[in-house]
Amino acid sequence: MKKYQILVQGKNFSLSLEGEAKTMGFYTTRWVEAKSPQDAENSVIELIKNDKNLKDAVLNEKNNPPMLYAEEIIEIENFEGVKPPGSGYSFYPEEGIEQQKKA
């Protein structure tokens, strides 16, 4: 099996911050073994969708789901220096990004 490093962007995640719902995005990197880049992408998306901590924190209504995108898929030689599949998220407020784009 091949080894992959995948950068994922999450968008439209409604989360409670200081008691108030905020729309957040995030970036995260995950590492997986898979037969192909497509299989690696599918595996990583499922990993994130099934992250209990993230799932429990999401406040989105069914008609306004959060979205996940594989931004970059890189085949790598080995997992040296990382602990697959990885964990953690770098969150950012989506409202701030949209306002900056309009300016």
PDB file of N, CA and C in Angstrom:
ATOM      1  N   MET A   1       0.849  -1.189   0.000  1.00  0.00           N
ATOM      2  CA  MET A   1       0.000   0.000   0.000  1.00  0.00           C
ATOM      3  C   MET A   1       0.888   1.243   0.000  1.00  0.00           C
ATOM      4  N   LYS A   2       0.397   2.281  -0.636  1.00  0.00           N
ATOM      5  CA  LYS A   2       1.113   3.550  -0.702  1.00  0.00           C
ATOM      6  C   LYS A   2       0.765   4.396   0.519  1.00  0.00           C
ATOM      7  N   LYS A   3       1.637   5.341   0.821  1.00  0.00           N
ATOM      8  CA  LYS A   3       1.438   6.237   1.956  1.00  0.00           C
ATOM      9  C   LYS A   3       1.137   7.646   1.436  1.00  0.00           C
ATOM     10  N   TYR A   4       0.188   8.315   2.104  1.00  0.00           N
ATOM     11  CA  TYR A   4      -0.244   9.634   1.642  1.00  0.00           C
ATOM     12  C   TYR A   4      -0.327  10.622   2.804  1.00  0.00           C
ATOM     13  N   GLN A   5      -0.010  11.859   2.475  1.00  0.00           N
ATOM     14  CA  GLN A   5      -0.227  13.000   3.364  1.00  0.00           C
ATOM     15  C   GLN A   5      -1.314  13.842   2.707  1.00  0.00           C
ATOM     16  N   ILE A   6      -2.368  14.153   3.464  1.00  0.00           N
ATOM     17  CA  ILE A   6      -3.513  14.849   2.882  1.00  0.00           C
ATOM     18  C   ILE A   6      -3.856  16.073   3.718  1.00  0.00           C
ATOM     19  N   LEU A   7      -3.889  17.218   3.059  1.00  0.00           N
ATOM     20  CA  LEU A   7      -4.323  18.462   3.686  1.00  0.00           C
ATOM     21  C   LEU A   7      -5.812  18.616   3.413  1.00  0.00           C
ATOM     22  N   VAL A   8      -6.598  18.739   4.475  1.00  0.00           N
ATOM     23  CA  VAL A   8      -8.054  18.837   4.361  1.00  0.00           C
ATOM     24  C   VAL A   8      -8.515  20.192   4.874  1.00  0.00           C
ATOM     25  N   GLN A   9      -9.445  20.794   4.140  1.00  0.00           N
ATOM     26  CA  GLN A   9     -10.089  22.020   4.611  1.00  0.00           C
ATOM     27  C   GLN A   9     -11.539  21.697   4.946  1.00  0.00           C
ATOM     28  N   GLY A  10     -11.960  22.150   6.118  1.00  0.00           N
ATOM     29  CA  GLY A  10     -13.357  22.051   6.521  1.00  0.00           C
ATOM     30  C   GLY A  10     -13.978  23.426   6.439  1.00  0.00           C
ATOM     31  N   LYS A  11     -15.193  23.502   5.950  1.00  0.00           N
ATOM     32  CA  LYS A  11     -15.900  24.785   5.840  1.00  0.00           C
ATOM     33  C   LYS A  11     -17.299  24.643   6.413  1.00  0.00           C
ATOM     34  N   ASN A  12     -17.836  25.761   6.886  1.00  0.00           N
ATOM     35  CA  ASN A  12     -19.214  25.864   7.349  1.00  0.00           C
ATOM     36  C   ASN A  12     -19.485  24.997   8.582  1.00  0.00           C
ATOM     37  N   PHE A  13     -18.543  24.987   9.513  1.00  0.00           N
ATOM     38  CA  PHE A  13     -18.723  24.260  10.764  1.00  0.00           C
ATOM     39  C   PHE A  13     -19.259  25.234  11.805  1.00  0.00           C
ATOM     40  N   SER A  14     -20.511  25.034  12.214  1.00  0.00           N
ATOM     41  CA  SER A  14     -21.117  25.862  13.253  1.00  0.00           C
ATOM     42  C   SER A  14     -20.711  25.267  14.602  1.00  0.00           C
ATOM     43  N   LEU A  15     -19.972  26.069  15.379  1.00  0.00           N
ATOM     44  CA  LEU A  15     -19.441  25.623  16.665  1.00  0.00           C
ATOM     45  C   LEU A  15     -19.768  26.644  17.740  1.00  0.00           C
ATOM     46  N   SER A  16     -19.895  26.197  18.969  1.00  0.00           N
ATOM     47  CA  SER A  16     -20.162  27.093  20.088  1.00  0.00           C
ATOM     48  C   SER A  16     -18.839  27.625  20.629  1.00  0.00           C
ATOM     49  N   LEU A  17     -18.686  28.933  20.568  1.00  0.00           N
ATOM     50  CA  LEU A  17     -17.511  29.595  21.121  1.00  0.00           C
ATOM     51  C   LEU A  17     -17.983  30.631  22.124  1.00  0.00           C
ATOM     52  N   GLU A  18     -17.580  30.452  23.368  1.00  0.00           N
ATOM     53  CA  GLU A  18     -17.989  31.347  24.444  1.00  0.00           C
ATOM     54  C   GLU A  18     -19.501  31.495  24.497  1.00  0.00           C
ATOM     55  N   GLY A  19     -20.206  30.371  24.296  1.00  0.00           N
ATOM     56  CA  GLY A  19     -21.660  30.350  24.383  1.00  0.00           C
ATOM     57  C   GLY A  19     -22.400  30.880  23.170  1.00  0.00           C
ATOM     58  N   GLU A  20     -21.674  31.194  22.105  1.00  0.00           N
ATOM     59  CA  GLU A  20     -22.294  31.744  20.898  1.00  0.00           C
ATOM     60  C   GLU A  20     -21.905  30.893  19.691  1.00  0.00           C
ATOM     61  N   ALA A  21     -22.879  30.597  18.818  1.00  0.00           N
ATOM     62  CA  ALA A  21     -22.600  29.811  17.609  1.00  0.00           C
ATOM     63  C   ALA A  21     -21.828  30.670  16.611  1.00  0.00           C
ATOM     64  N   LYS A  22     -20.720  30.142  16.151  1.00  0.00           N
ATOM     65  CA  LYS A  22     -19.881  30.824  15.156  1.00  0.00           C
ATOM     66  C   LYS A  22     -19.619  29.865  14.005  1.00  0.00           C
ATOM     67  N   THR A  23     -19.573  30.393  12.786  1.00  0.00           N
ATOM     68  CA  THR A  23     -19.247  29.582  11.622  1.00  0.00           C
ATOM     69  C   THR A  23     -17.739  29.586  11.449  1.00  0.00           C
ATOM     70  N   MET A  24     -17.176  28.389  11.508  1.00  0.00           N
ATOM     71  CA  MET A  24     -15.730  28.236  11.464  1.00  0.00           C
ATOM     72  C   MET A  24     -15.311  27.333  10.313  1.00  0.00           C
ATOM     73  N   GLY A  25     -14.100  27.549   9.880  1.00  0.00           N
ATOM     74  CA  GLY A  25     -13.450  26.659   8.941  1.00  0.00           C
ATOM     75  C   GLY A  25     -12.209  26.116   9.624  1.00  0.00           C
ATOM     76  N   PHE A  26     -11.573  25.134   9.012  1.00  0.00           N
ATOM     77  CA  PHE A  26     -10.328  24.625   9.579  1.00  0.00           C
ATOM     78  C   PHE A  26      -9.483  23.977   8.509  1.00  0.00           C
ATOM     79  N   TYR A  27      -8.225  23.804   8.850  1.00  0.00           N
ATOM     80  CA  TYR A  27      -7.299  22.998   8.069  1.00  0.00           C
ATOM     81  C   TYR A  27      -6.756  21.915   8.992  1.00  0.00           C
ATOM     82  N   THR A  28      -6.504  20.749   8.437  1.00  0.00           N
ATOM     83  CA  THR A  28      -5.883  19.662   9.184  1.00  0.00           C
ATOM     84  C   THR A  28      -5.131  18.782   8.200  1.00  0.00           C
ATOM     85  N   THR A  29      -4.099  18.141   8.681  1.00  0.00           N
ATOM     86  CA  THR A  29      -3.339  17.205   7.866  1.00  0.00           C
ATOM     87  C   THR A  29      -3.477  15.818   8.466  1.00  0.00           C
ATOM     88  N   ARG A  30      -3.687  14.843   7.595  1.00  0.00           N
ATOM     89  CA  ARG A  30      -3.790  13.449   8.022  1.00  0.00           C
ATOM     90  C   ARG A  30      -2.881  12.599   7.137  1.00  0.00           C
ATOM     91  N   TRP A  31      -2.453  11.459   7.677  1.00  0.00           N
ATOM     92  CA  TRP A  31      -1.587  10.527   6.967  1.00  0.00           C
ATOM     93  C   TRP A  31      -2.240   9.159   6.971  1.00  0.00           C
ATOM     94  N   VAL A  32      -2.321   8.541   5.796  1.00  0.00           N
ATOM     95  CA  VAL A  32      -2.964   7.229   5.671  1.00  0.00           C
ATOM     96  C   VAL A  32      -2.234   6.367   4.645  1.00  0.00           C
ATOM     97  N   GLU A  33      -2.496   5.058   4.738  1.00  0.00           N
ATOM     98  CA  GLU A  33      -2.067   4.121   3.712  1.00  0.00           C
ATOM     99  C   GLU A  33      -3.287   3.778   2.874  1.00  0.00           C
ATOM    100  N   ALA A  34      -3.106   3.735   1.567  1.00  0.00           N
ATOM    101  CA  ALA A  34      -4.218   3.424   0.671  1.00  0.00           C
ATOM    102  C   ALA A  34      -3.663   2.937  -0.668  1.00  0.00           C
ATOM    103  N   LYS A  35      -4.543   2.337  -1.458  1.00  0.00           N
ATOM    104  CA  LYS A  35      -4.148   1.838  -2.781  1.00  0.00           C
ATOM    105  C   LYS A  35      -3.976   2.960  -3.798  1.00  0.00           C
ATOM    106  N   SER A  36      -4.752   4.045  -3.629  1.00  0.00           N
ATOM    107  CA  SER A  36      -4.739   5.125  -4.621  1.00  0.00           C
ATOM    108  C   SER A  36      -5.000   6.463  -3.935  1.00  0.00           C
ATOM    109  N   PRO A  37      -4.726   7.573  -4.615  1.00  0.00           N
ATOM    110  CA  PRO A  37      -5.047   8.878  -4.039  1.00  0.00           C
ATOM    111  C   PRO A  37      -6.539   9.013  -3.716  1.00  0.00           C
ATOM    112  N   GLN A  38      -7.410   8.480  -4.570  1.00  0.00           N
ATOM    113  CA  GLN A  38      -8.854   8.566  -4.323  1.00  0.00           C
ATOM    114  C   GLN A  38      -9.236   7.790  -3.065  1.00  0.00           C
ATOM    115  N   ASP A  39      -8.663   6.592  -2.902  1.00  0.00           N
ATOM    116  CA  ASP A  39      -8.927   5.806  -1.690  1.00  0.00           C
ATOM    117  C   ASP A  39      -8.406   6.533  -0.449  1.00  0.00           C
ATOM    118  N   ALA A  40      -7.253   7.167  -0.573  1.00  0.00           N
ATOM    119  CA  ALA A  40      -6.680   7.926   0.546  1.00  0.00           C
ATOM    120  C   ALA A  40      -7.602   9.086   0.922  1.00  0.00           C
ATOM    121  N   GLU A  41      -8.094   9.810  -0.080  1.00  0.00           N
ATOM    122  CA  GLU A  41      -9.013  10.922   0.175  1.00  0.00           C
ATOM    123  C   GLU A  41     -10.279  10.424   0.875  1.00  0.00           C
ATOM    124  N   ASN A  42     -10.872   9.354   0.357  1.00  0.00           N
ATOM    125  CA  ASN A  42     -12.090   8.812   0.969  1.00  0.00           C
ATOM    126  C   ASN A  42     -11.847   8.392   2.415  1.00  0.00           C
ATOM    127  N   SER A  43     -10.713   7.764   2.656  1.00  0.00           N
ATOM    128  CA  SER A  43     -10.368   7.308   4.001  1.00  0.00           C
ATOM    129  C   SER A  43     -10.232   8.475   4.971  1.00  0.00           C
ATOM    130  N   VAL A  44      -9.555   9.521   4.534  1.00  0.00           N
ATOM    131  CA  VAL A  44      -9.342  10.690   5.402  1.00  0.00           C
ATOM    132  C   VAL A  44     -10.656  11.416   5.675  1.00  0.00           C
ATOM    133  N   ILE A  45     -11.484  11.570   4.676  1.00  0.00           N
ATOM    134  CA  ILE A  45     -12.772  12.234   4.878  1.00  0.00           C
ATOM    135  C   ILE A  45     -13.600  11.451   5.898  1.00  0.00           C
ATOM    136  N   GLU A  46     -13.609  10.133   5.796  1.00  0.00           N
ATOM    137  CA  GLU A  46     -14.339   9.306   6.764  1.00  0.00           C
ATOM    138  C   GLU A  46     -13.739   9.430   8.160  1.00  0.00           C
ATOM    139  N   LEU A  47     -12.405   9.464   8.246  1.00  0.00           N
ATOM    140  CA  LEU A  47     -11.751   9.640   9.549  1.00  0.00           C
ATOM    141  C   LEU A  47     -12.239  10.912  10.235  1.00  0.00           C
ATOM    142  N   ILE A  48     -12.275  11.998   9.480  1.00  0.00           N
ATOM    143  CA  ILE A  48     -12.674  13.286  10.055  1.00  0.00           C
ATOM    144  C   ILE A  48     -14.166  13.291  10.375  1.00  0.00           C
ATOM    145  N   LYS A  49     -14.981  12.763   9.475  1.00  0.00           N
ATOM    146  CA  LYS A  49     -16.426  12.692   9.729  1.00  0.00           C
ATOM    147  C   LYS A  49     -16.745  11.903  10.996  1.00  0.00           C
ATOM    148  N   ASN A  50     -15.915  10.903  11.300  1.00  0.00           N
ATOM    149  CA  ASN A  50     -16.146  10.046  12.453  1.00  0.00           C
ATOM    150  C   ASN A  50     -15.372  10.468  13.699  1.00  0.00           C
ATOM    151  N   ASP A  51     -14.716  11.630  13.645  1.00  0.00           N
ATOM    152  CA  ASP A  51     -14.008  12.152  14.824  1.00  0.00           C
ATOM    153  C   ASP A  51     -15.059  12.541  15.862  1.00  0.00           C
ATOM    154  N   LYS A  52     -15.154  11.776  16.933  1.00  0.00           N
ATOM    155  CA  LYS A  52     -16.198  11.978  17.930  1.00  0.00           C
ATOM    156  C   LYS A  52     -16.173  13.387  18.520  1.00  0.00           C
ATOM    157  N   ASN A  53     -14.991  13.904  18.832  1.00  0.00           N
ATOM    158  CA  ASN A  53     -14.905  15.250  19.408  1.00  0.00           C
ATOM    159  C   ASN A  53     -15.438  16.308  18.454  1.00  0.00           C
ATOM    160  N   LEU A  54     -15.090  16.195  17.188  1.00  0.00           N
ATOM    161  CA  LEU A  54     -15.577  17.159  16.202  1.00  0.00           C
ATOM    162  C   LEU A  54     -17.081  16.988  15.995  1.00  0.00           C
ATOM    163  N   LYS A  55     -17.517  15.740  15.824  1.00  0.00           N
ATOM    164  CA  LYS A  55     -18.945  15.462  15.625  1.00  0.00           C
ATOM    165  C   LYS A  55     -19.796  16.017  16.765  1.00  0.00           C
ATOM    166  N   ASP A  56     -19.331  15.822  17.995  1.00  0.00           N
ATOM    167  CA  ASP A  56     -20.075  16.288  19.168  1.00  0.00           C
ATOM    168  C   ASP A  56     -20.130  17.810  19.260  1.00  0.00           C
ATOM    169  N   ALA A  57     -19.161  18.497  18.681  1.00  0.00           N
ATOM    170  CA  ALA A  57     -19.090  19.956  18.771  1.00  0.00           C
ATOM    171  C   ALA A  57     -19.900  20.666  17.686  1.00  0.00           C
ATOM    172  N   VAL A  58     -20.211  19.975  16.589  1.00  0.00           N
ATOM    173  CA  VAL A  58     -20.887  20.598  15.443  1.00  0.00           C
ATOM    174  C   VAL A  58     -22.359  20.861  15.754  1.00  0.00           C
ATOM    175  N   LEU A  59     -22.794  22.101  15.483  1.00  0.00           N
ATOM    176  CA  LEU A  59     -24.170  22.520  15.748  1.00  0.00           C
ATOM    177  C   LEU A  59     -25.019  22.665  14.491  1.00  0.00           C
ATOM    178  N   ASN A  60     -24.461  22.354  13.326  1.00  0.00           N
ATOM    179  CA  ASN A  60     -25.168  22.570  12.057  1.00  0.00           C
ATOM    180  C   ASN A  60     -26.501  21.836  11.996  1.00  0.00           C
ATOM    181  N   GLU A  61     -27.477  22.516  11.358  1.00  0.00           N
ATOM    182  CA  GLU A  61     -28.758  21.887  11.045  1.00  0.00           C
ATOM    183  C   GLU A  61     -28.538  20.976   9.835  1.00  0.00           C
ATOM    184  N   LYS A  62     -29.411  19.991   9.652  1.00  0.00           N
ATOM    185  CA  LYS A  62     -29.284  19.033   8.533  1.00  0.00           C
ATOM    186  C   LYS A  62     -29.306  19.724   7.168  1.00  0.00           C
ATOM    187  N   ASN A  63     -30.047  20.840   7.051  1.00  0.00           N
ATOM    188  CA  ASN A  63     -30.139  21.531   5.761  1.00  0.00           C
ATOM    189  C   ASN A  63     -28.974  22.495   5.517  1.00  0.00           C
ATOM    190  N   ASN A  64     -27.998  22.538   6.427  1.00  0.00           N
ATOM    191  CA  ASN A  64     -26.839  23.424   6.292  1.00  0.00           C
ATOM    192  C   ASN A  64     -25.589  22.661   6.758  1.00  0.00           C
ATOM    193  N   PRO A  65     -25.223  21.591   6.028  1.00  0.00           N
ATOM    194  CA  PRO A  65     -24.139  20.727   6.510  1.00  0.00           C
ATOM    195  C   PRO A  65     -22.753  21.354   6.359  1.00  0.00           C
ATOM    196  N   PRO A  66     -21.829  20.946   7.235  1.00  0.00           N
ATOM    197  CA  PRO A  66     -20.439  21.349   7.037  1.00  0.00           C
ATOM    198  C   PRO A  66     -19.863  20.578   5.846  1.00  0.00           C
ATOM    199  N   MET A  67     -18.793  21.098   5.279  1.00  0.00           N
ATOM    200  CA  MET A  67     -18.192  20.487   4.094  1.00  0.00           C
ATOM    201  C   MET A  67     -16.716  20.192   4.346  1.00  0.00           C
ATOM    202  N   LEU A  68     -16.210  19.127   3.719  1.00  0.00           N
ATOM    203  CA  LEU A  68     -14.808  18.755   3.800  1.00  0.00           C
ATOM    204  C   LEU A  68     -14.235  18.637   2.395  1.00  0.00           C
ATOM    205  N   TYR A  69     -13.033  19.168   2.206  1.00  0.00           N
ATOM    206  CA  TYR A  69     -12.372  19.154   0.901  1.00  0.00           C
ATOM    207  C   TYR A  69     -10.925  18.714   1.074  1.00  0.00           C
ATOM    208  N   ALA A  70     -10.474  17.770   0.270  1.00  0.00           N
ATOM    209  CA  ALA A  70      -9.053  17.422   0.234  1.00  0.00           C
ATOM    210  C   ALA A  70      -8.373  18.477  -0.630  1.00  0.00           C
ATOM    211  N   GLU A  71      -7.592  19.327  -0.010  1.00  0.00           N
ATOM    212  CA  GLU A  71      -6.916  20.413  -0.729  1.00  0.00           C
ATOM    213  C   GLU A  71      -5.653  19.928  -1.439  1.00  0.00           C
ATOM    214  N   GLU A  72      -4.985  18.948  -0.802  1.00  0.00           N
ATOM    215  CA  GLU A  72      -3.707  18.488  -1.348  1.00  0.00           C
ATOM    216  C   GLU A  72      -3.493  17.034  -0.938  1.00  0.00           C
ATOM    217  N   ILE A  73      -3.147  16.204  -1.900  1.00  0.00           N
ATOM    218  CA  ILE A  73      -2.864  14.793  -1.642  1.00  0.00           C
ATOM    219  C   ILE A  73      -1.466  14.518  -2.175  1.00  0.00           C
ATOM    220  N   ILE A  74      -0.572  14.122  -1.264  1.00  0.00           N
ATOM    221  CA  ILE A  74       0.819  13.887  -1.646  1.00  0.00           C
ATOM    222  C   ILE A  74       1.204  12.456  -1.277  1.00  0.00           C
ATOM    223  N   GLU A  75       1.724  11.716  -2.254  1.00  0.00           N
ATOM    224  CA  GLU A  75       2.257  10.399  -1.941  1.00  0.00           C
ATOM    225  C   GLU A  75       3.625  10.601  -1.296  1.00  0.00           C
ATOM    226  N   ILE A  76       3.847   9.929  -0.163  1.00  0.00           N
ATOM    227  CA  ILE A  76       5.113  10.063   0.559  1.00  0.00           C
ATOM    228  C   ILE A  76       5.782   8.698   0.683  1.00  0.00           C
ATOM    229  N   GLU A  77       7.086   8.713   0.963  1.00  0.00           N
ATOM    230  CA  GLU A  77       7.861   7.478   1.075  1.00  0.00           C
ATOM    231  C   GLU A  77       7.562   6.719   2.364  1.00  0.00           C
ATOM    232  N   ASN A  78       7.456   7.471   3.484  1.00  0.00           N
ATOM    233  CA  ASN A  78       7.254   6.825   4.781  1.00  0.00           C
ATOM    234  C   ASN A  78       6.596   7.813   5.747  1.00  0.00           C
ATOM    235  N   PHE A  79       6.278   7.333   6.917  1.00  0.00           N
ATOM    236  CA  PHE A  79       5.625   8.159   7.934  1.00  0.00           C
ATOM    237  C   PHE A  79       6.626   8.698   8.962  1.00  0.00           C
ATOM    238  N   GLU A  80       7.887   8.770   8.590  1.00  0.00           N
ATOM    239  CA  GLU A  80       8.921   9.243   9.505  1.00  0.00           C
ATOM    240  C   GLU A  80       8.577  10.646  10.021  1.00  0.00           C
ATOM    241  N   GLY A  81       8.604  10.789  11.340  1.00  0.00           N
ATOM    242  CA  GLY A  81       8.355  12.095  11.939  1.00  0.00           C
ATOM    243  C   GLY A  81       6.895  12.408  12.220  1.00  0.00           C
ATOM    244  N   VAL A  82       5.982  11.533  11.832  1.00  0.00           N
ATOM    245  CA  VAL A  82       4.557  11.757  12.091  1.00  0.00           C
ATOM    246  C   VAL A  82       3.950  10.500  12.711  1.00  0.00           C
ATOM    247  N   LYS A  83       2.802  10.684  13.361  1.00  0.00           N
ATOM    248  CA  LYS A  83       2.088   9.555  13.963  1.00  0.00           C
ATOM    249  C   LYS A  83       0.730   9.435  13.272  1.00  0.00           C
ATOM    250  N   PRO A  84       0.630   8.563  12.255  1.00  0.00           N
ATOM    251  CA  PRO A  84      -0.628   8.418  11.527  1.00  0.00           C
ATOM    252  C   PRO A  84      -1.777   7.999  12.436  1.00  0.00           C
ATOM    253  N   PRO A  85      -2.994   8.402  12.189  1.00  0.00           N
ATOM    254  CA  PRO A  85      -3.398   9.242  11.070  1.00  0.00           C
ATOM    255  C   PRO A  85      -3.247  10.729  11.348  1.00  0.00           C
ATOM    256  N   GLY A  86      -2.835  11.110  12.555  1.00  0.00           N
ATOM    257  CA  GLY A  86      -2.734  12.525  12.909  1.00  0.00           C
ATOM    258  C   GLY A  86      -3.985  12.971  13.646  1.00  0.00           C
ATOM    259  N   SER A  87      -3.919  14.167  14.208  1.00  0.00           N
ATOM    260  CA  SER A  87      -5.067  14.701  14.942  1.00  0.00           C
ATOM    261  C   SER A  87      -4.955  16.215  14.991  1.00  0.00           C
ATOM    262  N   GLY A  88      -6.002  16.836  15.500  1.00  0.00           N
ATOM    263  CA  GLY A  88      -5.992  18.287  15.672  1.00  0.00           C
ATOM    264  C   GLY A  88      -6.491  19.041  14.456  1.00  0.00           C
ATOM    265  N   TYR A  89      -6.878  20.288  14.719  1.00  0.00           N
ATOM    266  CA  TYR A  89      -7.439  21.160  13.695  1.00  0.00           C
ATOM    267  C   TYR A  89      -6.946  22.579  13.936  1.00  0.00           C
ATOM    268  N   SER A  90      -6.725  23.319  12.868  1.00  0.00           N
ATOM    269  CA  SER A  90      -6.409  24.750  12.953  1.00  0.00           C
ATOM    270  C   SER A  90      -7.642  25.505  12.471  1.00  0.00           C
ATOM    271  N   PHE A  91      -8.425  26.015  13.425  1.00  0.00           N
ATOM    272  CA  PHE A  91      -9.682  26.691  13.110  1.00  0.00           C
ATOM    273  C   PHE A  91      -9.472  28.165  12.793  1.00  0.00           C
ATOM    274  N   TYR A  92     -10.353  28.695  11.966  1.00  0.00           N
ATOM    275  CA  TYR A  92     -10.396  30.125  11.660  1.00  0.00           C
ATOM    276  C   TYR A  92     -11.858  30.537  11.513  1.00  0.00           C
ATOM    277  N   PRO A  93     -12.184  31.789  11.854  1.00  0.00           N
ATOM    278  CA  PRO A  93     -13.572  32.255  11.684  1.00  0.00           C
ATOM    279  C   PRO A  93     -13.847  32.532  10.217  1.00  0.00           C
ATOM    280  N   GLU A  94     -14.879  31.922   9.673  1.00  0.00           N
ATOM    281  CA  GLU A  94     -15.187  32.128   8.257  1.00  0.00           C
ATOM    282  C   GLU A  94     -15.680  33.536   7.982  1.00  0.00           C
ATOM    283  N   GLU A  95     -16.391  34.151   8.923  1.00  0.00           N
ATOM    284  CA  GLU A  95     -16.887  35.510   8.689  1.00  0.00           C
ATOM    285  C   GLU A  95     -15.734  36.466   8.436  1.00  0.00           C
ATOM    286  N   GLY A  96     -14.673  36.333   9.196  1.00  0.00           N
ATOM    287  CA  GLY A  96     -13.512  37.206   9.027  1.00  0.00           C
ATOM    288  C   GLY A  96     -12.874  37.066   7.666  1.00  0.00           C
ATOM    289  N   ILE A  97     -12.793  35.847   7.169  1.00  0.00           N
ATOM    290  CA  ILE A  97     -12.210  35.583   5.856  1.00  0.00           C
ATOM    291  C   ILE A  97     -13.077  36.213   4.762  1.00  0.00           C
ATOM    292  N   GLU A  98     -14.397  36.011   4.846  1.00  0.00           N
ATOM    293  CA  GLU A  98     -15.302  36.570   3.839  1.00  0.00           C
ATOM    294  C   GLU A  98     -15.239  38.100   3.827  1.00  0.00           C
ATOM    295  N   GLN A  99     -15.162  38.723   4.998  1.00  0.00           N
ATOM    296  CA  GLN A  99     -15.097  40.182   5.064  1.00  0.00           C
ATOM    297  C   GLN A  99     -13.806  40.688   4.453  1.00  0.00           C
ATOM    298  N   GLN A 100     -12.678  39.973   4.676  1.00  0.00           N
ATOM    299  CA  GLN A 100     -11.409  40.379   4.101  1.00  0.00           C
ATOM    300  C   GLN A 100     -11.436  40.280   2.590  1.00  0.00           C
ATOM    301  N   LYS A 101     -12.103  39.246   2.044  1.00  0.00           N
ATOM    302  CA  LYS A 101     -12.174  39.075   0.595  1.00  0.00           C
ATOM    303  C   LYS A 101     -12.950  40.212  -0.066  1.00  0.00           C
ATOM    304  N   LYS A 102     -13.972  40.735   0.629  1.00  0.00           N
ATOM    305  CA  LYS A 102     -14.805  41.804   0.072  1.00  0.00           C
ATOM    306  C   LYS A 102     -14.122  43.170   0.109  1.00  0.00           C
ATOM    307  N   ALA A 103     -13.178  43.330   1.015  1.00  0.00           N
ATOM    308  CA  ALA A 103     -12.502  44.631   1.202  1.00  0.00           C
ATOM    309  C   ALA A 103     -11.566  44.951   0.065  1.00  0.00           C
TER     310      ALA A 103
END
